[in-house]
Amino acid sequence: MSKKKVASNPSLPVESKPETFKSVDRVQPLSRLKFFITIVNHNHYKEVLKILKNHESGLGFITHGRGTGTKEIYDLLGLSDVHKDIIFAVVKADQIETLKKEIGAFFVKESKGIAFAIDISSVIGSSIYKYLSNTRPTGE
């Protein structure tokens, strides 16, 4: 049992041992996470969600958007539908390259859109990391 010195004055520092950090999980290696955002034409989100699921995305949500350009701009560019679906997902960084290729192929065949990834620099807590990285064991 370790004893800590308790200061009688709360403004004085308390002496204690430095905290040691343990691995989040001995089974799953740590992987950097990315926030992957995809904007596609309205009602094309289901295909994007299928692709994201194949790339071990554990968290995703969809919101609806609308283009901000004027009707003249849309007519000039040949765009008709101003309604968009915006898909947000958290993906492991090692999945990003193949994910971009599959999303790009989907854009060529089925839909027009844009996709990009943003680094997630930190996560507080191992359970949050496991949830975001989709590595949480069943029942945890």
C-alpha atoms as a PDB file:
ATOM      1  CA  MET A   1       0.000   0.000   0.000  1.00  0.00           C
ATOM      2  CA  SER A   2       1.405   3.373  -0.938  1.00  0.00           C
ATOM      3  CA  LYS A   3       1.026   6.350   1.340  1.00  0.00           C
ATOM      4  CA  LYS A   4       0.602   9.853   0.021  1.00  0.00           C
ATOM      5  CA  LYS A   5       1.460  12.975   1.923  1.00  0.00           C
ATOM      6  CA  VAL A   6      -1.566  15.193   2.256  1.00  0.00           C
ATOM      7  CA  ALA A   7      -0.914  18.877   2.525  1.00  0.00           C
ATOM      8  CA  SER A   8      -2.870  20.788   5.124  1.00  0.00           C
ATOM      9  CA  ASN A   9      -2.949  23.818   2.839  1.00  0.00           C
ATOM     10  CA  PRO A  10      -4.771  23.062  -0.468  1.00  0.00           C
ATOM     11  CA  SER A  11      -2.529  25.462  -2.384  1.00  0.00           C
ATOM     12  CA  LEU A  12       0.568  23.352  -1.595  1.00  0.00           C
ATOM     13  CA  PRO A  13       1.425  20.489  -3.987  1.00  0.00           C
ATOM     14  CA  VAL A  14       0.692  16.889  -3.013  1.00  0.00           C
ATOM     15  CA  GLU A  15       3.527  14.403  -3.478  1.00  0.00           C
ATOM     16  CA  SER A  16       2.641  11.248  -5.370  1.00  0.00           C
ATOM     17  CA  LYS A  17       4.185   8.686  -7.726  1.00  0.00           C
ATOM     18  CA  PRO A  18       4.052   9.438 -11.452  1.00  0.00           C
ATOM     19  CA  GLU A  19       1.192   7.616 -13.170  1.00  0.00           C
ATOM     20  CA  THR A  20       2.102   4.793 -15.561  1.00  0.00           C
ATOM     21  CA  PHE A  21       0.109   4.274 -18.742  1.00  0.00           C
ATOM     22  CA  LYS A  22      -0.943   0.893 -20.106  1.00  0.00           C
ATOM     23  CA  SER A  23      -1.842  -0.217 -23.598  1.00  0.00           C
ATOM     24  CA  VAL A  24      -5.482   0.306 -24.538  1.00  0.00           C
ATOM     25  CA  ASP A  25      -5.877  -3.262 -25.679  1.00  0.00           C
ATOM     26  CA  ARG A  26      -3.400  -6.096 -25.924  1.00  0.00           C
ATOM     27  CA  VAL A  27      -5.370  -7.814 -28.706  1.00  0.00           C
ATOM     28  CA  GLN A  28      -6.037  -4.891 -31.087  1.00  0.00           C
ATOM     29  CA  PRO A  29      -3.128  -2.655 -32.085  1.00  0.00           C
ATOM     30  CA  LEU A  30      -3.688   1.083 -31.903  1.00  0.00           C
ATOM     31  CA  SER A  31      -4.526   2.763 -35.186  1.00  0.00           C
ATOM     32  CA  ARG A  32      -4.846   6.451 -36.011  1.00  0.00           C
ATOM     33  CA  LEU A  33      -8.382   7.581 -36.738  1.00  0.00           C
ATOM     34  CA  LYS A  34      -9.725   9.884 -39.438  1.00  0.00           C
ATOM     35  CA  PHE A  35     -13.010  11.750 -39.724  1.00  0.00           C
ATOM     36  CA  PHE A  36     -14.245  10.935 -43.252  1.00  0.00           C
ATOM     37  CA  ILE A  37     -16.820  13.265 -44.805  1.00  0.00           C
ATOM     38  CA  THR A  38     -18.667  12.486 -48.034  1.00  0.00           C
ATOM     39  CA  ILE A  39     -21.132  14.752 -49.841  1.00  0.00           C
ATOM     40  CA  VAL A  40     -23.286  13.074 -52.494  1.00  0.00           C
ATOM     41  CA  ASN A  41     -26.507  13.739 -54.378  1.00  0.00           C
ATOM     42  CA  HIS A  42     -29.713  13.221 -52.434  1.00  0.00           C
ATOM     43  CA  ASN A  43     -30.696   9.548 -51.801  1.00  0.00           C
ATOM     44  CA  HIS A  44     -27.261   8.150 -52.696  1.00  0.00           C
ATOM     45  CA  TYR A  45     -26.182   7.756 -49.073  1.00  0.00           C
ATOM     46  CA  LYS A  46     -27.056   4.040 -48.853  1.00  0.00           C
ATOM     47  CA  GLU A  47     -24.319   3.059 -51.292  1.00  0.00           C
ATOM     48  CA  VAL A  48     -21.767   5.180 -49.418  1.00  0.00           C
ATOM     49  CA  LEU A  49     -22.785   3.577 -46.110  1.00  0.00           C
ATOM     50  CA  LYS A  50     -22.243   0.104 -47.629  1.00  0.00           C
ATOM     51  CA  ILE A  51     -18.734   1.108 -48.701  1.00  0.00           C
ATOM     52  CA  LEU A  52     -17.996   2.571 -45.255  1.00  0.00           C
ATOM     53  CA  LYS A  53     -19.213  -0.604 -43.544  1.00  0.00           C
ATOM     54  CA  ASN A  54     -16.830  -2.681 -45.682  1.00  0.00           C
ATOM     55  CA  HIS A  55     -13.981  -0.498 -44.369  1.00  0.00           C
ATOM     56  CA  GLU A  56     -14.723  -1.102 -40.675  1.00  0.00           C
ATOM     57  CA  SER A  57     -16.345   2.228 -39.981  1.00  0.00           C
ATOM     58  CA  GLY A  58     -17.859   2.020 -36.523  1.00  0.00           C
ATOM     59  CA  LEU A  59     -19.606   5.365 -36.353  1.00  0.00           C
ATOM     60  CA  GLY A  60     -21.435   7.321 -38.977  1.00  0.00           C
ATOM     61  CA  PHE A  61     -24.317   9.696 -39.337  1.00  0.00           C
ATOM     62  CA  ILE A  62     -26.107  11.421 -42.167  1.00  0.00           C
ATOM     63  CA  THR A  63     -27.465  14.914 -42.521  1.00  0.00           C
ATOM     64  CA  HIS A  64     -29.178  16.562 -45.432  1.00  0.00           C
ATOM     65  CA  GLY A  65     -27.863  19.651 -47.135  1.00  0.00           C
ATOM     66  CA  ARG A  66     -28.698  22.007 -49.907  1.00  0.00           C
ATOM     67  CA  GLY A  67     -26.401  23.749 -52.357  1.00  0.00           C
ATOM     68  CA  THR A  68     -25.903  27.475 -51.930  1.00  0.00           C
ATOM     69  CA  GLY A  69     -25.461  28.471 -55.563  1.00  0.00           C
ATOM     70  CA  THR A  70     -28.021  30.377 -57.589  1.00  0.00           C
ATOM     71  CA  LYS A  71     -30.251  28.728 -60.188  1.00  0.00           C
ATOM     72  CA  GLU A  72     -28.256  30.409 -62.974  1.00  0.00           C
ATOM     73  CA  ILE A  73     -24.999  28.846 -61.725  1.00  0.00           C
ATOM     74  CA  TYR A  74     -26.597  25.403 -61.504  1.00  0.00           C
ATOM     75  CA  ASP A  75     -27.996  25.733 -65.028  1.00  0.00           C
ATOM     76  CA  LEU A  76     -24.612  26.892 -66.338  1.00  0.00           C
ATOM     77  CA  LEU A  77     -22.809  23.926 -64.753  1.00  0.00           C
ATOM     78  CA  GLY A  78     -25.509  21.463 -65.798  1.00  0.00           C
ATOM     79  CA  LEU A  79     -26.466  20.590 -62.243  1.00  0.00           C
ATOM     80  CA  SER A  80     -30.099  19.962 -61.486  1.00  0.00           C
ATOM     81  CA  ASP A  81     -30.397  18.590 -57.960  1.00  0.00           C
ATOM     82  CA  VAL A  82     -29.387  20.999 -55.207  1.00  0.00           C
ATOM     83  CA  HIS A  83     -30.303  18.587 -52.385  1.00  0.00           C
ATOM     84  CA  LYS A  84     -27.330  16.696 -50.946  1.00  0.00           C
ATOM     85  CA  ASP A  85     -26.650  14.000 -48.366  1.00  0.00           C
ATOM     86  CA  ILE A  86     -23.657  14.555 -46.095  1.00  0.00           C
ATOM     87  CA  ILE A  87     -22.201  11.430 -44.490  1.00  0.00           C
ATOM     88  CA  PHE A  88     -19.837  11.700 -41.522  1.00  0.00           C
ATOM     89  CA  ALA A  89     -17.869   8.623 -40.424  1.00  0.00           C
ATOM     90  CA  VAL A  90     -14.875   7.667 -38.306  1.00  0.00           C
ATOM     91  CA  VAL A  91     -12.462   5.352 -40.127  1.00  0.00           C
ATOM     92  CA  LYS A  92      -9.067   3.858 -39.300  1.00  0.00           C
ATOM     93  CA  ALA A  93      -6.270   5.650 -41.136  1.00  0.00           C
ATOM     94  CA  ASP A  94      -4.981   2.451 -42.767  1.00  0.00           C
ATOM     95  CA  GLN A  95      -8.364   2.057 -44.533  1.00  0.00           C
ATOM     96  CA  ILE A  96      -8.393   5.540 -46.107  1.00  0.00           C
ATOM     97  CA  GLU A  97      -6.537   4.820 -49.369  1.00  0.00           C
ATOM     98  CA  THR A  98      -8.732   1.891 -50.413  1.00  0.00           C
ATOM     99  CA  LEU A  99     -11.810   3.740 -49.187  1.00  0.00           C
ATOM    100  CA  LYS A 100     -10.961   6.744 -51.387  1.00  0.00           C
ATOM    101  CA  LYS A 101     -10.553   4.458 -54.407  1.00  0.00           C
ATOM    102  CA  GLU A 102     -13.925   2.790 -53.852  1.00  0.00           C
ATOM    103  CA  ILE A 103     -15.699   6.100 -53.238  1.00  0.00           C
ATOM    104  CA  GLY A 104     -14.019   7.510 -56.374  1.00  0.00           C
ATOM    105  CA  ALA A 105     -15.241   4.545 -58.430  1.00  0.00           C
ATOM    106  CA  PHE A 106     -18.741   5.104 -57.033  1.00  0.00           C
ATOM    107  CA  PHE A 107     -18.566   8.774 -58.059  1.00  0.00           C
ATOM    108  CA  VAL A 108     -17.585   7.800 -61.615  1.00  0.00           C
ATOM    109  CA  LYS A 109     -20.338   5.169 -62.005  1.00  0.00           C
ATOM    110  CA  GLU A 110     -23.296   6.309 -59.942  1.00  0.00           C
ATOM    111  CA  SER A 111     -23.125   9.762 -58.436  1.00  0.00           C
ATOM    112  CA  LYS A 112     -21.256  13.019 -58.235  1.00  0.00           C
ATOM    113  CA  GLY A 113     -19.760  14.123 -54.976  1.00  0.00           C
ATOM    114  CA  ILE A 114     -16.822  15.030 -52.845  1.00  0.00           C
ATOM    115  CA  ALA A 115     -15.044  13.110 -50.106  1.00  0.00           C
ATOM    116  CA  PHE A 116     -12.230  14.065 -47.762  1.00  0.00           C
ATOM    117  CA  ALA A 117     -10.637  12.977 -44.498  1.00  0.00           C
ATOM    118  CA  ILE A 118      -9.573  14.967 -41.442  1.00  0.00           C
ATOM    119  CA  ASP A 119      -7.095  13.690 -38.834  1.00  0.00           C
ATOM    120  CA  ILE A 120      -8.400  13.036 -35.349  1.00  0.00           C
ATOM    121  CA  SER A 121      -5.524  14.146 -33.139  1.00  0.00           C
ATOM    122  CA  SER A 122      -6.680  12.773 -29.785  1.00  0.00           C
ATOM    123  CA  VAL A 123      -9.383  10.824 -28.017  1.00  0.00           C
ATOM    124  CA  ILE A 124     -10.004  10.820 -24.278  1.00  0.00           C
ATOM    125  CA  GLY A 125     -10.461   7.365 -22.776  1.00  0.00           C
ATOM    126  CA  SER A 126      -9.895   3.849 -24.006  1.00  0.00           C
ATOM    127  CA  SER A 127     -13.597   3.002 -24.178  1.00  0.00           C
ATOM    128  CA  ILE A 128     -14.230   6.013 -26.455  1.00  0.00           C
ATOM    129  CA  TYR A 129     -11.309   4.975 -28.680  1.00  0.00           C
ATOM    130  CA  LYS A 130     -12.623   1.404 -28.885  1.00  0.00           C
ATOM    131  CA  TYR A 131     -16.082   2.697 -29.776  1.00  0.00           C
ATOM    132  CA  LEU A 132     -14.807   5.053 -32.494  1.00  0.00           C
ATOM    133  CA  SER A 133     -12.375   2.522 -33.960  1.00  0.00           C
ATOM    134  CA  ASN A 134     -14.988  -0.248 -33.954  1.00  0.00           C
ATOM    135  CA  THR A 135     -12.723  -2.550 -31.898  1.00  0.00           C
ATOM    136  CA  ARG A 136     -14.957  -2.825 -28.833  1.00  0.00           C
ATOM    137  CA  PRO A 137     -15.700  -6.460 -27.925  1.00  0.00           C
ATOM    138  CA  THR A 138     -19.330  -7.487 -27.887  1.00  0.00           C
ATOM    139  CA  GLY A 139     -20.986  -6.903 -24.527  1.00  0.00           C
ATOM    140  CA  GLU A 140     -18.540  -4.232 -23.344  1.00  0.00           C
END
